[in-house]
């Protein structure tokens, strides 16, 4: 932040031709230097590397961890175990109630 003595007072104290040259240099910078900053290879590489580095860090921070993976696998295994137990119990309960009978079939060799 500029102090007040380094601001408008310094500019106003200059002679008109110095202010004109300063304005011309500002326009030169606006039209010639600023576009070069956009096309500067080093700056573009630096920016893209920073964006990539931030994306990798965010992905590592917010991505799945081994602990979350094991919790999800364990939860899925327990749900599968409970459903299999329920199916087995239901099958044993209905064992004598079925209309169909098992028939032994002799397998013939070709």
Foldseek 3Di string as FASTA:
>chain_A
DDDPCPPDVVLVPDDPVVNVVVVVVVVCCVPPVVVCCVVPPVNVVVVVVVVVVVVVVVCVVPPDDVVNVVVVVVVVVVVVVVVVVVVVVVCVVCVVVDPDDDDDDDDDDD
